[in-house]
């Protein structure tokens, strides 16, 4: 069962499928950034850290299948729900290691 993606990502995915006629179109880095609502440098950072699959190399071109981009979003959502029981915000002690003395 696939959970619902954002309306923008789905409509962009539908537009890409309609434009190319392909069931699983190949996206360039700018299109991937648009689908994920991230910058191009962030896309390359996600590839380096492993949260986004490496692109297919077609000569000098880098392309991602749309299904893999949407799958990376679904994996991020699934990982988020696994840690949903944790605190919503980090305290100042967690962020800065600061301990406040009570007078």
N, C-alpha and C. Protein backbone atom coordinates (compact mmCIF):
# COMPACT_ATOMS: atom_id res chain seq x y z
N UNK A 1 0.85 -1.18 0.00
CA UNK A 1 0.00 0.00 0.00
C UNK A 1 0.88 1.23 0.00
N UNK A 2 0.70 2.09 -0.98
CA UNK A 2 1.53 3.28 -1.10
C UNK A 2 0.84 4.43 -0.40
N UNK A 3 1.60 5.16 0.43
CA UNK A 3 1.03 6.32 1.09
C UNK A 3 1.00 7.48 0.11
N UNK A 4 0.25 8.50 0.46
CA UNK A 4 0.02 9.61 -0.45
C UNK A 4 1.21 10.57 -0.44
N UNK A 5 1.71 10.94 -1.63
CA UNK A 5 2.76 11.93 -1.76
C UNK A 5 2.13 13.31 -1.83
N UNK A 6 2.95 14.34 -1.72
CA UNK A 6 2.42 15.69 -1.82
C UNK A 6 1.79 15.90 -3.20
N UNK A 7 0.80 16.76 -3.24
CA UNK A 7 0.08 17.02 -4.49
C UNK A 7 1.03 17.54 -5.55
N UNK A 8 1.97 18.40 -5.17
CA UNK A 8 2.90 18.96 -6.14
C UNK A 8 3.78 17.88 -6.75
N UNK A 9 4.31 16.99 -5.93
CA UNK A 9 5.17 15.93 -6.45
C UNK A 9 4.39 15.01 -7.38
N UNK A 10 3.16 14.69 -7.02
CA UNK A 10 2.35 13.82 -7.86
C UNK A 10 1.97 14.50 -9.17
N UNK A 11 1.59 15.77 -9.11
CA UNK A 11 1.20 16.45 -10.35
C UNK A 11 2.41 16.61 -11.26
N UNK A 12 3.58 16.88 -10.70
CA UNK A 12 4.80 16.98 -11.51
C UNK A 12 5.12 15.62 -12.12
N UNK A 13 4.97 14.57 -11.34
CA UNK A 13 5.21 13.21 -11.85
C UNK A 13 4.25 12.89 -12.99
N UNK A 14 2.98 13.25 -12.82
CA UNK A 14 1.99 13.01 -13.87
C UNK A 14 2.31 13.81 -15.13
N UNK A 15 2.76 15.05 -14.96
CA UNK A 15 3.14 15.88 -16.10
C UNK A 15 4.31 15.27 -16.85
N UNK A 16 5.29 14.77 -16.11
CA UNK A 16 6.46 14.16 -16.74
C UNK A 16 6.06 12.91 -17.52
N UNK A 17 5.19 12.10 -16.95
CA UNK A 17 4.73 10.89 -17.64
C UNK A 17 3.97 11.25 -18.91
N UNK A 18 3.11 12.27 -18.83
CA UNK A 18 2.31 12.67 -19.98
C UNK A 18 3.19 13.27 -21.07
N UNK A 19 4.18 14.05 -20.67
CA UNK A 19 5.05 14.71 -21.64
C UNK A 19 5.95 13.71 -22.37
N UNK A 20 6.52 12.79 -21.62
CA UNK A 20 7.47 11.85 -22.21
C UNK A 20 6.79 10.62 -22.79
N UNK A 21 5.61 10.29 -22.30
CA UNK A 21 4.94 9.08 -22.74
C UNK A 21 5.52 7.83 -22.10
N UNK A 22 6.53 8.00 -21.27
CA UNK A 22 7.17 6.86 -20.61
C UNK A 22 6.47 6.58 -19.28
N UNK A 23 6.40 5.32 -18.91
CA UNK A 23 5.80 4.95 -17.63
C UNK A 23 6.71 5.33 -16.47
N UNK A 24 8.01 5.25 -16.68
CA UNK A 24 8.99 5.60 -15.64
C UNK A 24 10.05 6.51 -16.27
N UNK A 25 9.71 7.79 -16.48
CA UNK A 25 10.64 8.69 -17.17
C UNK A 25 11.92 8.92 -16.37
N UNK A 26 12.98 9.25 -17.09
CA UNK A 26 14.26 9.57 -16.47
C UNK A 26 14.32 11.07 -16.24
N UNK A 27 14.72 11.45 -15.02
CA UNK A 27 14.76 12.85 -14.62
C UNK A 27 16.20 13.33 -14.52
N UNK A 28 16.42 14.60 -14.89
CA UNK A 28 17.73 15.19 -14.66
C UNK A 28 17.75 15.76 -13.24
N UNK A 29 18.89 16.28 -12.83
CA UNK A 29 19.05 16.71 -11.44
C UNK A 29 18.10 17.85 -11.09
N UNK A 30 17.83 18.75 -12.03
CA UNK A 30 16.91 19.86 -11.74
C UNK A 30 15.48 19.35 -11.54
N UNK A 31 15.09 18.36 -12.32
CA UNK A 31 13.75 17.79 -12.16
C UNK A 31 13.63 17.04 -10.84
N UNK A 32 14.70 16.33 -10.46
CA UNK A 32 14.71 15.63 -9.17
C UNK A 32 14.58 16.64 -8.04
N UNK A 33 15.33 17.74 -8.14
CA UNK A 33 15.26 18.79 -7.12
C UNK A 33 13.85 19.36 -7.03
N UNK A 34 13.18 19.54 -8.17
CA UNK A 34 11.81 20.07 -8.16
C UNK A 34 10.84 19.09 -7.51
N UNK A 35 10.97 17.81 -7.81
CA UNK A 35 10.08 16.81 -7.22
C UNK A 35 10.28 16.73 -5.71
N UNK A 36 11.53 16.80 -5.26
CA UNK A 36 11.83 16.67 -3.83
C UNK A 36 11.79 17.99 -3.08
N UNK A 37 11.57 19.10 -3.79
CA UNK A 37 11.55 20.43 -3.17
C UNK A 37 12.86 20.73 -2.45
N UNK A 38 13.96 20.43 -3.13
CA UNK A 38 15.30 20.67 -2.59
C UNK A 38 16.13 21.34 -3.67
N UNK A 39 17.27 21.88 -3.28
CA UNK A 39 18.17 22.50 -4.24
C UNK A 39 19.02 21.44 -4.94
N UNK A 40 19.61 21.82 -6.05
CA UNK A 40 20.48 20.90 -6.79
C UNK A 40 21.66 20.44 -5.93
N UNK A 41 22.36 21.36 -5.22
CA UNK A 41 23.46 20.88 -4.36
C UNK A 41 22.99 19.89 -3.29
N UNK A 42 21.78 20.09 -2.77
CA UNK A 42 21.25 19.17 -1.76
C UNK A 42 20.99 17.79 -2.37
N UNK A 43 20.57 17.74 -3.62
CA UNK A 43 20.37 16.45 -4.28
C UNK A 43 21.68 15.68 -4.31
N UNK A 44 22.76 16.35 -4.72
CA UNK A 44 24.07 15.67 -4.77
C UNK A 44 24.54 15.27 -3.37
N UNK A 45 24.20 16.08 -2.36
CA UNK A 45 24.55 15.73 -0.98
C UNK A 45 23.78 14.48 -0.55
N UNK A 46 22.51 14.39 -0.92
CA UNK A 46 21.70 13.21 -0.58
C UNK A 46 22.26 11.95 -1.27
N UNK A 47 22.75 12.08 -2.49
CA UNK A 47 23.37 10.94 -3.18
C UNK A 47 24.62 10.51 -2.41
N UNK A 48 25.43 11.47 -1.99
CA UNK A 48 26.68 11.16 -1.28
C UNK A 48 26.40 10.47 0.05
N UNK A 49 25.33 10.89 0.75
CA UNK A 49 25.02 10.29 2.05
C UNK A 49 24.22 8.99 1.91
N UNK A 50 23.71 8.71 0.72
CA UNK A 50 23.02 7.46 0.48
C UNK A 50 21.51 7.50 0.65
N UNK A 51 20.94 8.67 0.94
CA UNK A 51 19.48 8.72 1.09
C UNK A 51 18.76 8.87 -0.24
N UNK A 52 19.51 9.11 -1.31
CA UNK A 52 18.98 9.14 -2.67
C UNK A 52 19.85 8.22 -3.50
N UNK A 53 19.26 7.35 -4.31
CA UNK A 53 20.07 6.43 -5.11
C UNK A 53 20.99 7.17 -6.08
N UNK A 54 22.09 6.52 -6.41
CA UNK A 54 22.99 7.09 -7.41
C UNK A 54 22.28 7.13 -8.75
N UNK A 55 22.57 8.14 -9.57
CA UNK A 55 21.89 8.24 -10.86
C UNK A 55 22.43 7.22 -11.86
N UNK A 56 21.63 6.98 -12.88
CA UNK A 56 22.09 6.20 -14.02
C UNK A 56 22.99 7.12 -14.84
N UNK A 57 24.09 6.61 -15.34
CA UNK A 57 24.98 7.42 -16.16
C UNK A 57 24.78 7.03 -17.61
N UNK A 58 24.40 7.97 -18.41
CA UNK A 58 24.21 7.79 -19.86
C UNK A 58 25.22 8.72 -20.53
N UNK A 59 26.41 8.19 -20.77
CA UNK A 59 27.49 9.05 -21.23
C UNK A 59 27.86 9.99 -20.11
N UNK A 60 27.77 11.28 -20.36
CA UNK A 60 28.06 12.27 -19.32
C UNK A 60 26.80 12.70 -18.56
N UNK A 61 25.66 12.20 -18.95
CA UNK A 61 24.40 12.60 -18.34
C UNK A 61 24.10 11.77 -17.10
N UNK A 62 23.52 12.40 -16.11
CA UNK A 62 23.05 11.73 -14.89
C UNK A 62 21.53 11.78 -14.89
N UNK A 63 20.90 10.61 -14.77
CA UNK A 63 19.44 10.55 -14.80
C UNK A 63 18.94 9.57 -13.74
N UNK A 64 17.79 9.93 -13.12
CA UNK A 64 17.15 9.08 -12.13
C UNK A 64 15.79 8.64 -12.65
N UNK A 65 15.45 7.37 -12.52
CA UNK A 65 14.07 6.95 -12.83
C UNK A 65 13.11 7.60 -11.83
N UNK A 66 12.00 8.08 -12.31
CA UNK A 66 11.01 8.74 -11.45
C UNK A 66 10.62 7.84 -10.29
N UNK A 67 10.48 6.54 -10.55
CA UNK A 67 10.06 5.61 -9.49
C UNK A 67 11.07 5.59 -8.33
N UNK A 68 12.37 5.73 -8.63
CA UNK A 68 13.38 5.74 -7.57
C UNK A 68 13.32 7.03 -6.75
N UNK A 69 13.02 8.14 -7.40
CA UNK A 69 12.91 9.42 -6.69
C UNK A 69 11.70 9.39 -5.76
N UNK A 70 10.57 8.92 -6.28
CA UNK A 70 9.37 8.82 -5.44
C UNK A 70 9.57 7.80 -4.32
N UNK A 71 10.31 6.71 -4.62
CA UNK A 71 10.61 5.71 -3.60
C UNK A 71 11.46 6.28 -2.48
N UNK A 72 12.39 7.17 -2.81
CA UNK A 72 13.24 7.78 -1.76
C UNK A 72 12.40 8.65 -0.83
N UNK A 73 11.38 9.30 -1.39
CA UNK A 73 10.48 10.10 -0.55
C UNK A 73 9.68 9.19 0.37
N UNK A 74 9.18 8.08 -0.17
CA UNK A 74 8.42 7.13 0.65
C UNK A 74 9.29 6.53 1.76
N UNK A 75 10.56 6.22 1.47
CA UNK A 75 11.46 5.67 2.50
C UNK A 75 11.70 6.70 3.60
N UNK A 76 11.83 7.97 3.23
CA UNK A 76 12.02 9.02 4.24
C UNK A 76 10.79 9.14 5.12
N UNK A 77 9.61 9.02 4.52
CA UNK A 77 8.38 9.09 5.31
C UNK A 77 8.26 7.90 6.24
N UNK A 78 8.65 6.72 5.76
CA UNK A 78 8.58 5.52 6.60
C UNK A 78 9.56 5.61 7.76
N UNK A 79 10.75 6.13 7.50
CA UNK A 79 11.74 6.29 8.57
C UNK A 79 11.27 7.30 9.60
N UNK A 80 10.60 8.34 9.15
CA UNK A 80 10.08 9.35 10.06
C UNK A 80 9.03 8.74 10.98
N UNK A 81 8.17 7.89 10.46
CA UNK A 81 7.11 7.32 11.28
C UNK A 81 7.66 6.32 12.30
N UNK A 82 8.83 5.73 12.00
CA UNK A 82 9.45 4.80 12.96
C UNK A 82 9.93 5.51 14.21
N UNK A 83 10.35 6.76 14.07
CA UNK A 83 10.86 7.52 15.22
C UNK A 83 9.82 8.53 15.73
N UNK A 84 8.57 8.34 15.35
CA UNK A 84 7.51 9.29 15.73
C UNK A 84 7.31 9.35 17.23
N UNK A 85 7.68 8.33 17.97
CA UNK A 85 7.50 8.32 19.41
C UNK A 85 8.50 9.19 20.14
N UNK A 86 9.51 9.69 19.45
CA UNK A 86 10.54 10.52 20.07
C UNK A 86 10.06 11.93 20.32
N UNK A 87 10.89 12.76 20.95
CA UNK A 87 10.50 14.13 21.24
C UNK A 87 10.37 14.94 19.95
N UNK A 88 9.40 15.85 19.94
CA UNK A 88 9.16 16.66 18.75
C UNK A 88 10.26 17.69 18.55
N UNK A 89 10.80 18.20 19.63
CA UNK A 89 11.85 19.21 19.53
C UNK A 89 12.98 18.84 20.47
N UNK A 90 14.17 19.20 20.06
CA UNK A 90 15.33 18.95 20.90
C UNK A 90 15.41 20.06 21.95
N UNK A 91 15.79 19.69 23.15
CA UNK A 91 15.94 20.69 24.19
C UNK A 91 17.28 21.40 24.01
N UNK A 92 17.48 22.48 24.74
CA UNK A 92 18.75 23.21 24.64
C UNK A 92 19.91 22.35 25.11
N UNK A 93 19.65 21.43 26.04
CA UNK A 93 20.71 20.53 26.51
C UNK A 93 21.13 19.61 25.37
N UNK A 94 20.16 19.09 24.60
CA UNK A 94 20.48 18.21 23.49
C UNK A 94 21.21 18.97 22.38
N UNK A 95 20.79 20.22 22.13
CA UNK A 95 21.38 20.99 21.05
C UNK A 95 22.76 21.54 21.39
N UNK A 96 22.88 22.10 22.57
CA UNK A 96 24.10 22.83 22.90
C UNK A 96 24.89 22.24 24.05
N UNK A 97 24.36 21.24 24.71
CA UNK A 97 25.04 20.68 25.84
C UNK A 97 25.02 21.62 27.04
N UNK A 98 24.07 22.53 27.06
CA UNK A 98 23.99 23.54 28.11
C UNK A 98 23.12 23.00 29.25
N UNK A 99 23.64 23.12 30.44
CA UNK A 99 22.86 22.74 31.62
C UNK A 99 22.58 24.01 32.41
N UNK A 100 21.32 24.24 32.69
CA UNK A 100 20.94 25.45 33.43
C UNK A 100 20.91 25.11 34.90
N UNK A 101 21.60 25.93 35.66
CA UNK A 101 21.61 25.73 37.12
C UNK A 101 20.39 26.43 37.69
N UNK A 102 19.71 25.73 38.60
CA UNK A 102 18.58 26.34 39.28
C UNK A 102 19.08 27.11 40.48
N UNK A 103 18.80 28.45 40.55
CA UNK A 103 19.30 29.24 41.70
C UNK A 103 18.62 28.91 42.99
